[in-house]
Amino acid sequence: MARIKHGTLVANTVATVDISPSSGTAEVMITANPATIYFRTDGVDPTIKGDDCEVVPAGIGSALAVDLPVPFTIKLISAGTPDYCVKGA
């Protein structure tokens, strides 16, 4: 069964989402209040426009699927306050 976590980012603050997808992949999606989300899956805190960060462009419904290492942790940051959904596949 897929794990799904929802939340709202606080501007310029790293949020950590722990998820246990069965296949080792996850999708990060913006669900409301569009603002670009930067994230990392290697345990390092992401930075806004930072090197080695994955990017979900601003826009409701924008999403990016990624492979996850163990443990299944995604760290997110944004300059805005987007609502997000992280879904393990």
Protein backbone atom coordinates (compact mmCIF):
# COMPACT_ATOMS: atom_id res chain seq x y z
CA MET A 1 0.00 0.00 0.00
CA ALA A 2 1.33 3.44 -0.92
CA ARG A 3 2.14 5.90 1.85
CA ILE A 4 0.91 9.46 1.32
CA LYS A 5 1.89 12.49 3.40
CA HIS A 6 0.42 15.99 3.05
CA GLY A 7 1.67 19.27 4.47
CA THR A 8 2.32 22.96 4.00
CA LEU A 9 5.84 24.30 3.83
CA VAL A 10 6.89 27.25 5.97
CA ALA A 11 8.87 29.71 3.83
CA ASN A 12 12.65 29.23 3.97
CA THR A 13 12.35 26.33 6.46
CA VAL A 14 13.37 22.72 5.79
CA ALA A 15 10.64 20.13 6.27
CA THR A 16 11.47 16.43 6.63
CA VAL A 17 9.06 13.81 5.32
CA ASP A 18 9.61 10.16 6.22
CA ILE A 19 7.86 7.73 3.92
CA SER A 20 8.12 4.01 3.28
CA PRO A 21 7.23 3.32 -0.35
CA SER A 22 7.19 -0.30 -1.33
CA SER A 23 9.04 0.20 -4.61
CA GLY A 24 11.69 2.71 -3.53
CA THR A 25 10.22 5.58 -5.52
CA ALA A 26 8.22 8.61 -4.47
CA GLU A 27 6.46 11.55 -6.06
CA VAL A 28 6.51 15.12 -4.71
CA MET A 29 3.53 17.21 -5.89
CA ILE A 30 2.36 20.78 -5.29
CA THR A 31 -1.34 20.70 -4.39
CA ALA A 32 -2.10 24.38 -3.60
CA ASN A 33 -0.43 27.79 -3.10
CA PRO A 34 2.08 27.19 -5.90
CA ALA A 35 5.72 27.98 -5.19
CA THR A 36 8.82 26.14 -6.38
CA ILE A 37 9.91 23.30 -4.09
CA TYR A 38 13.54 22.15 -3.84
CA PHE A 39 14.26 18.79 -2.23
CA ARG A 40 16.91 16.19 -1.53
CA THR A 41 16.73 12.49 -0.74
CA ASP A 42 20.27 11.98 0.59
CA GLY A 43 19.74 13.32 4.13
CA VAL A 44 21.33 16.69 3.36
CA ASP A 45 19.24 19.83 3.91
CA PRO A 46 18.18 21.40 0.60
CA THR A 47 18.63 25.07 -0.14
CA ILE A 48 16.61 27.36 -2.39
CA LYS A 49 18.14 27.16 -5.88
CA GLY A 50 20.83 24.97 -4.33
CA ASP A 51 23.19 22.59 -6.09
CA ASP A 52 22.25 18.89 -6.06
CA CYS A 53 18.59 19.68 -5.28
CA GLU A 54 15.67 18.23 -7.21
CA VAL A 55 13.08 20.84 -8.28
CA VAL A 56 9.29 20.82 -8.53
CA PRO A 57 8.37 23.97 -10.51
CA ALA A 58 5.69 26.28 -9.16
CA GLY A 59 2.23 25.26 -10.35
CA ILE A 60 -0.67 23.32 -8.89
CA GLY A 61 -0.28 19.73 -9.99
CA SER A 62 3.44 20.08 -10.75
CA ALA A 63 5.16 16.88 -9.68
CA LEU A 64 8.46 15.03 -9.85
CA ALA A 65 9.04 11.31 -9.25
CA VAL A 66 12.37 10.18 -7.80
CA ASP A 67 14.10 7.01 -6.66
CA LEU A 68 14.68 6.91 -2.91
CA PRO A 69 17.59 5.46 -0.99
CA VAL A 70 17.11 3.85 2.42
CA PRO A 71 15.93 5.37 4.72
CA PHE A 72 13.02 6.84 2.81
CA THR A 73 13.43 10.50 3.81
CA ILE A 74 12.78 13.56 1.70
CA LYS A 75 13.80 17.05 2.84
CA LEU A 76 11.87 19.95 1.26
CA ILE A 77 12.25 23.74 1.19
CA SER A 78 10.58 26.65 -0.62
CA ALA A 79 10.71 30.44 -0.59
CA GLY A 80 6.90 30.31 -0.47
CA THR A 81 4.30 28.31 1.42
CA PRO A 82 3.08 25.65 -1.02
CA ASP A 83 0.88 22.76 0.03
CA TYR A 84 2.50 19.49 -0.97
CA CYS A 85 1.85 15.78 -1.20
CA VAL A 86 4.56 13.13 -1.04
CA LYS A 87 3.39 9.74 -2.27
CA GLY A 88 5.40 6.54 -2.06
CA ALA A 89 4.83 4.25 -5.02
